[in-house]
Amino acid sequence: MEDNKTHTHLNLTKTDDPKPLIYPTPLSPPLPLISKQIELNRALSASSKSSLFTLSRSDVVFEDEYLIVINKPQGIYCDRVLSAIPPLLRDSQGTGIKNPPEFHLANRLDRDTSGVMVITKSHKVAGKLVKAFTDHKVSKVYVALCCGSAPKWDSISIRSGHGRSKHGVWRVYAASDVGRTLPGGSIVRDMATSFQVLSVNGRGRFKDLTTKSRIDQQETVLVVENVGVDIASTDENKKDEVLIRAFPESGKTHQIRLHCQYLGIPICGDVKYEGPHEWKGRTLDGHCLHAETLTLDHPVTGLPLVFRAPLPTWAESSISS
């Protein structure tokens, strides 16, 4: 028997749907297809190389009772450098060490980036130094060997967005997109780097390689809102070799590599960001990026410190003429 209840028919047609979310458009290209296999081969090679890696005293830039600073070689994982510290100290100090240190990485470098790495010897010191990095109280300076059309600027400051979609790769976004949401829920962050040209095709614009605390006030300023230089359209035979110094003002993943790609001077060997796999007749095992200096206040004494790693051969040879 049918009941007498009134049946209410719901209108399921939505008339007040919000507008679909429009995501920011990346201004740098996706990974080149060739990079996937090259990167896999490099990762396998680095795993093998890292498993056999040991440190020597010549790799030590600075050491006291709180810190040890290492010049990390190219193609070695940071964690392997960390695990190589105890054997280094045992060899130099003997086996009877009381209260063995608690080693921590204060900063990390990409697998193929060489240069200054700071390792702390206690949890307390690690916490202070990590906070200094997080609060941007540590100044970083890098040197990179790039290729492309020689820049028309001697120094430039570039500001853009930085981000990646879920399961995606890091890309450059417009500065005006900072704060916007990407697919997967991540947010576009601010990214800023200053650069200065050191030499073009071996001819130096800045002969002195001592670190400058700031680039001169005459630098070009670029706020990114449009697509970067189309590297694929550059004639291979007309590419210049450009040695640059980079001053990252923020600390985003692959920041210098991304900004070099955007400017049309990708780092040699950086196949992820359109850098050449081969340069001047030789195959490159990794990208030519070197963490030259770190400037910071000592986490315990408060004294100002400047740690500098010797330049790699590719940097020295590019300014030898």
Protein backbone atom coordinates (compact mmCIF):
# COMPACT_ATOMS: atom_id res chain seq x y z
CA MET A 1 0.00 0.00 0.00
CA GLU A 2 1.43 3.33 -0.97
CA ASP A 3 1.97 5.73 1.92
CA ASN A 4 0.60 9.24 1.90
CA LYS A 5 3.94 11.00 2.44
CA THR A 6 4.68 13.82 0.09
CA HIS A 7 7.62 13.03 -2.23
CA THR A 8 9.98 15.92 -2.70
CA HIS A 9 11.88 15.94 -5.99
CA LEU A 10 15.31 17.55 -5.65
CA ASN A 11 16.63 19.65 -8.48
CA LEU A 12 20.19 18.34 -8.93
CA THR A 13 21.08 20.84 -11.63
CA LYS A 14 23.74 23.18 -10.22
CA THR A 15 23.21 26.77 -11.16
CA ASP A 16 25.74 28.39 -8.85
CA ASP A 17 28.95 26.39 -9.51
CA PRO A 18 32.12 28.34 -8.76
CA LYS A 19 34.29 29.20 -11.71
CA PRO A 20 36.86 26.49 -12.52
CA LEU A 21 40.28 27.09 -10.98
CA ILE A 22 42.75 28.51 -13.49
CA TYR A 23 46.30 27.42 -12.75
CA PRO A 24 49.43 29.48 -13.44
CA THR A 25 51.30 28.66 -16.65
CA PRO A 26 55.00 27.79 -16.32
CA LEU A 27 57.34 30.05 -18.27
CA SER A 28 60.18 27.53 -18.66
CA PRO A 29 59.94 24.31 -20.70
CA PRO A 30 59.48 20.76 -19.36
CA LEU A 31 62.36 18.32 -19.07
CA PRO A 32 63.96 17.48 -22.43
CA LEU A 33 63.28 13.83 -23.32
CA ILE A 34 67.00 13.12 -23.68
CA SER A 35 67.58 14.08 -20.05
CA LYS A 36 65.74 11.11 -18.51
CA GLN A 37 68.17 8.41 -19.66
CA ILE A 38 71.23 10.62 -19.06
CA GLU A 39 70.08 11.41 -15.53
CA LEU A 40 69.42 7.73 -14.83
CA ASN A 41 72.92 6.83 -16.00
CA ARG A 42 74.42 9.60 -13.88
CA ALA A 43 72.48 8.47 -10.81
CA LEU A 44 73.71 4.89 -11.22
CA SER A 45 77.27 6.12 -11.69
CA ALA A 46 77.02 8.39 -8.64
CA SER A 47 75.68 5.54 -6.48
CA SER A 48 78.64 3.39 -7.44
CA LYS A 49 81.12 6.24 -7.00
CA SER A 50 79.60 7.30 -3.68
CA SER A 51 79.80 3.79 -2.24
CA LEU A 52 83.59 3.90 -2.60
CA PHE A 53 84.01 7.54 -1.58
CA THR A 54 86.36 8.56 1.22
CA LEU A 55 87.44 11.98 2.44
CA SER A 56 90.99 13.20 2.86
CA ARG A 57 92.36 16.14 4.81
CA SER A 58 92.77 18.04 1.54
CA ASP A 59 88.94 18.08 1.25
CA VAL A 60 88.59 19.95 4.57
CA VAL A 61 88.10 23.71 4.23
CA PHE A 62 87.69 24.45 7.96
CA GLU A 63 87.30 22.59 11.24
CA ASP A 64 86.84 23.42 14.91
CA GLU A 65 85.14 21.60 17.79
CA TYR A 66 81.68 22.54 16.48
CA LEU A 67 81.92 22.44 12.68
CA ILE A 68 83.70 20.74 9.83
CA VAL A 69 83.48 22.29 6.36
CA ILE A 70 84.10 20.13 3.29
CA ASN A 71 84.73 20.83 -0.40
CA LYS A 72 82.30 18.29 -1.87
CA PRO A 73 83.31 16.75 -5.21
CA GLN A 74 80.97 16.59 -8.18
CA GLY A 75 78.95 13.38 -8.55
CA ILE A 76 78.83 12.46 -4.85
CA TYR A 77 75.64 12.36 -2.76
CA CYS A 78 75.56 14.57 0.35
CA ASP A 79 74.63 11.70 2.66
CA ARG A 80 77.74 9.83 1.56
CA VAL A 81 79.89 12.85 2.45
CA LEU A 82 78.28 12.85 5.88
CA SER A 83 79.01 9.15 6.45
CA ALA A 84 82.63 9.68 5.37
CA ILE A 85 83.28 12.17 8.19
CA PRO A 86 83.71 9.72 11.13
CA PRO A 87 86.42 7.63 9.36
CA LEU A 88 88.23 10.86 8.43
CA LEU A 89 88.31 12.03 12.04
CA ARG A 90 89.24 8.59 13.39
CA ASP A 91 92.19 8.45 11.02
CA SER A 92 93.44 11.87 12.12
CA GLN A 93 92.56 11.73 15.84
CA GLY A 94 92.85 8.06 16.67
CA THR A 95 90.18 5.64 17.88
CA GLY A 96 89.94 6.71 21.51
CA ILE A 97 87.50 9.61 21.01
CA LYS A 98 85.27 10.28 24.04
CA ASN A 99 81.69 11.42 23.41
CA PRO A 100 81.71 10.92 19.62
CA PRO A 101 80.17 13.84 17.74
CA GLU A 102 76.61 13.79 16.34
CA PHE A 103 77.13 14.84 12.74
CA HIS A 104 74.45 16.72 10.78
CA LEU A 105 74.32 18.33 7.35
CA ALA A 106 73.74 22.06 7.76
CA ASN A 107 73.26 22.54 4.01
CA ARG A 108 72.78 20.28 1.01
CA LEU A 109 74.09 20.44 -2.53
CA ASP A 110 72.73 18.69 -5.61
CA ARG A 111 74.52 15.47 -6.50
CA ASP A 112 76.52 17.09 -9.31
CA THR A 113 77.14 20.42 -7.58
CA SER A 114 80.56 20.71 -5.99
CA GLY A 115 81.76 23.05 -3.29
CA VAL A 116 81.22 24.17 0.29
CA MET A 117 79.25 21.92 2.64
CA VAL A 118 78.95 22.60 6.37
CA ILE A 119 78.60 19.69 8.80
CA THR A 120 77.90 20.26 12.49
CA LYS A 121 79.12 18.07 15.35
CA SER A 122 76.15 18.29 17.73
CA HIS A 123 72.35 18.53 17.69
CA LYS A 124 72.41 21.91 19.42
CA VAL A 125 74.77 23.50 16.92
CA ALA A 126 72.83 21.90 14.04
CA GLY A 127 69.61 23.52 15.20
CA LYS A 128 71.18 26.98 15.36
CA LEU A 129 72.80 26.70 11.95
CA VAL A 130 69.73 25.27 10.22
CA LYS A 131 67.75 28.21 11.60
CA ALA A 132 70.37 30.62 10.21
CA PHE A 133 69.95 29.06 6.75
CA THR A 134 66.14 29.13 7.06
CA ASP A 135 66.18 32.78 8.13
CA HIS A 136 68.44 33.69 5.16
CA LYS A 137 71.26 34.79 7.43
CA VAL A 138 73.80 32.78 5.42
CA SER A 139 75.14 34.32 2.20
CA LYS A 140 75.85 31.87 -0.64
CA VAL A 141 77.93 32.45 -3.75
CA TYR A 142 78.19 30.03 -6.67
CA VAL A 143 80.21 29.86 -9.88
CA ALA A 144 78.73 28.26 -13.02
CA LEU A 145 79.97 27.56 -16.51
CA CYS A 146 77.17 28.27 -18.96
CA CYS A 147 76.68 28.33 -22.72
CA GLY A 148 74.45 30.36 -25.00
CA SER A 149 74.44 33.83 -26.48
CA ALA A 150 76.79 36.09 -24.51
CA PRO A 151 74.70 38.27 -22.17
CA LYS A 152 74.36 41.95 -22.96
CA TRP A 153 74.50 42.65 -19.24
CA ASP A 154 77.47 42.53 -16.88
CA SER A 155 75.23 41.98 -13.89
CA ILE A 156 71.53 41.26 -13.52
CA SER A 157 69.00 40.61 -10.76
CA ILE A 158 66.14 38.30 -11.71
CA ARG A 159 62.96 37.71 -9.70
CA SER A 160 60.35 35.12 -10.60
CA GLY A 161 57.99 32.49 -9.26
CA HIS A 162 59.15 28.94 -8.49
CA GLY A 163 57.10 25.79 -8.24
CA ARG A 164 56.01 22.43 -9.58
CA SER A 165 52.75 20.63 -10.07
CA LYS A 166 52.10 17.30 -8.36
CA HIS A 167 54.49 14.68 -9.82
CA GLY A 168 55.96 17.42 -12.00
CA VAL A 169 59.36 19.12 -12.27
CA TRP A 170 60.55 22.48 -11.03
CA ARG A 171 59.65 25.35 -13.35
CA VAL A 172 59.91 29.12 -13.54
CA TYR A 173 56.63 31.04 -13.12
CA ALA A 174 55.77 34.71 -13.44
CA ALA A 175 56.56 36.90 -10.45
CA SER A 176 52.89 37.89 -10.38
CA ASP A 177 51.95 34.20 -9.87
CA VAL A 178 53.65 34.02 -6.46
CA GLY A 179 51.10 32.78 -3.93
CA ARG A 180 48.87 31.06 -6.48
CA THR A 181 48.00 27.35 -6.25
CA LEU A 182 49.34 24.73 -8.67
CA PRO A 183 47.81 21.36 -9.60
CA GLY A 184 48.25 19.10 -6.58
CA GLY A 185 47.95 21.92 -4.07
CA SER A 186 51.49 23.34 -3.93
CA ILE A 187 52.04 27.10 -4.00
CA VAL A 188 54.19 29.25 -6.30
CA ARG A 189 56.99 30.76 -4.19
CA ASP A 190 59.21 33.78 -4.72
CA MET A 191 62.66 33.15 -6.25
CA ALA A 192 65.40 35.76 -6.71
CA THR A 193 68.99 35.51 -7.94
CA SER A 194 71.66 38.02 -8.90
CA PHE A 195 74.32 37.16 -11.48
CA GLN A 196 77.52 38.72 -12.72
CA VAL A 197 79.53 37.76 -15.79
CA LEU A 198 83.12 36.74 -15.05
CA SER A 199 84.27 35.82 -18.55
CA VAL A 200 83.01 35.14 -22.08
CA ASN A 201 84.96 32.65 -24.21
CA GLY A 202 87.90 32.95 -21.82
CA ARG A 203 88.02 36.73 -21.90
CA GLY A 204 87.39 38.10 -18.44
CA ARG A 205 85.10 40.98 -17.63
CA PHE A 206 85.89 40.56 -13.94
CA LYS A 207 89.46 39.36 -13.51
CA ASP A 208 89.29 39.31 -9.73
CA LEU A 209 87.51 36.18 -8.47
CA THR A 210 87.33 37.35 -4.86
CA THR A 211 83.71 37.32 -3.72
CA LYS A 212 81.78 40.57 -3.73
CA SER A 213 79.22 40.99 -0.98
CA ARG A 214 76.85 42.75 -3.34
CA ILE A 215 76.63 43.36 -7.04
CA ASP A 216 76.98 46.98 -8.08
CA GLN A 217 73.95 49.22 -8.18
CA GLN A 218 74.14 49.48 -11.99
CA GLU A 219 72.80 45.95 -12.46
CA THR A 220 69.88 45.22 -14.76
CA VAL A 221 66.69 44.21 -12.93
CA LEU A 222 64.37 41.63 -14.53
CA VAL A 223 60.97 40.84 -13.05
CA VAL A 224 59.75 37.74 -14.88
CA GLU A 225 56.32 37.91 -16.50
CA ASN A 226 56.94 36.36 -19.95
CA VAL A 227 58.42 33.20 -21.44
CA GLY A 228 62.21 32.98 -21.26
CA VAL A 229 64.79 32.66 -24.05
CA ASP A 230 64.13 29.85 -26.55
CA ILE A 231 67.37 27.92 -26.18
CA ALA A 232 66.40 25.32 -28.78
CA SER A 233 66.44 27.99 -31.50
CA THR A 234 70.03 29.10 -30.73
CA ASP A 235 72.56 28.04 -33.35
CA GLU A 236 74.87 25.44 -31.76
CA ASN A 237 77.85 26.82 -33.64
CA LYS A 238 77.28 30.31 -32.31
CA LYS A 239 77.01 29.51 -28.61
CA ASP A 240 79.41 31.30 -26.29
CA GLU A 241 81.02 29.92 -23.14
CA VAL A 242 80.04 32.13 -20.23
CA LEU A 243 81.45 31.92 -16.72
CA ILE A 244 79.14 33.53 -14.18
CA ARG A 245 78.94 34.10 -10.47
CA ALA A 246 75.50 33.63 -8.86
CA PHE A 247 74.15 35.15 -5.65
CA PRO A 248 70.91 33.37 -4.68
CA GLU A 249 68.78 35.68 -2.58
CA SER A 250 66.30 32.92 -1.79
CA GLY A 251 66.97 29.24 -1.31
CA LYS A 252 64.72 27.38 -3.73
CA THR A 253 65.42 23.96 -5.26
CA HIS A 254 67.48 24.19 -8.49
CA GLN A 255 67.14 27.98 -8.33
CA ILE A 256 70.36 28.95 -10.10
CA ARG A 257 69.90 26.23 -12.71
CA LEU A 258 66.36 27.38 -13.49
CA HIS A 259 67.27 31.05 -13.75
CA CYS A 260 70.26 30.30 -16.01
CA GLN A 261 67.94 28.34 -18.30
CA TYR A 262 65.42 31.19 -18.32
CA LEU A 263 68.13 33.72 -19.25
CA GLY A 264 69.22 31.57 -22.22
CA ILE A 265 72.54 30.50 -20.71
CA PRO A 266 71.91 27.01 -19.31
CA ILE A 267 74.68 25.46 -17.25
CA CYS A 268 77.00 23.16 -19.20
CA GLY A 269 76.08 19.55 -18.51
CA ASP A 270 72.73 20.45 -16.92
CA VAL A 271 70.59 18.27 -19.20
CA LYS A 272 67.51 18.74 -16.99
CA TYR A 273 67.43 22.42 -17.89
CA GLU A 274 68.61 22.36 -21.51
CA GLY A 275 72.34 22.47 -20.83
CA PRO A 276 74.48 20.56 -23.37
CA HIS A 277 75.50 16.97 -22.64
CA GLU A 278 78.61 17.50 -24.73
CA TRP A 279 80.70 20.65 -24.82
CA LYS A 280 83.91 21.42 -26.69
CA GLY A 281 84.29 17.84 -27.82
CA ARG A 282 83.89 16.14 -24.47
CA THR A 283 80.99 14.44 -22.74
CA LEU A 284 80.09 16.02 -19.39
CA ASP A 285 79.45 13.75 -16.41
CA GLY A 286 77.42 16.38 -14.57
CA HIS A 287 76.57 20.06 -14.50
CA CYS A 288 79.26 22.71 -13.99
CA LEU A 289 78.00 24.42 -10.83
CA HIS A 290 80.19 25.07 -7.80
CA ALA A 291 79.32 26.42 -4.34
CA GLU A 292 82.20 28.87 -4.04
CA THR A 293 81.60 30.52 -0.65
CA LEU A 294 79.38 30.57 2.40
CA THR A 295 79.39 33.58 4.73
CA LEU A 296 77.82 33.22 8.17
CA ASP A 297 78.16 33.97 11.86
CA HIS A 298 79.60 31.10 13.89
CA PRO A 299 76.65 29.40 15.63
CA VAL A 300 78.49 29.31 18.99
CA THR A 301 81.03 32.14 19.07
CA GLY A 302 79.10 34.54 16.85
CA LEU A 303 82.26 35.46 14.94
CA PRO A 304 81.83 36.17 11.20
CA LEU A 305 83.17 33.37 9.00
CA VAL A 306 83.75 33.03 5.26
CA PHE A 307 84.24 29.51 3.91
CA ARG A 308 85.60 29.24 0.39
CA ALA A 309 86.18 26.11 -1.68
CA PRO A 310 88.92 26.10 -4.35
CA LEU A 311 87.61 26.59 -7.89
CA PRO A 312 87.20 23.45 -10.01
CA THR A 313 89.32 23.00 -13.13
CA TRP A 314 86.50 23.98 -15.49
CA ALA A 315 86.30 27.41 -13.81
CA GLU A 316 90.03 27.93 -13.73
CA SER A 317 90.46 27.00 -17.40
CA SER A 318 87.67 29.32 -18.52
CA ILE A 319 89.56 32.38 -17.24
CA SER A 320 93.09 31.22 -18.04
CA SER A 321 93.33 33.12 -21.30
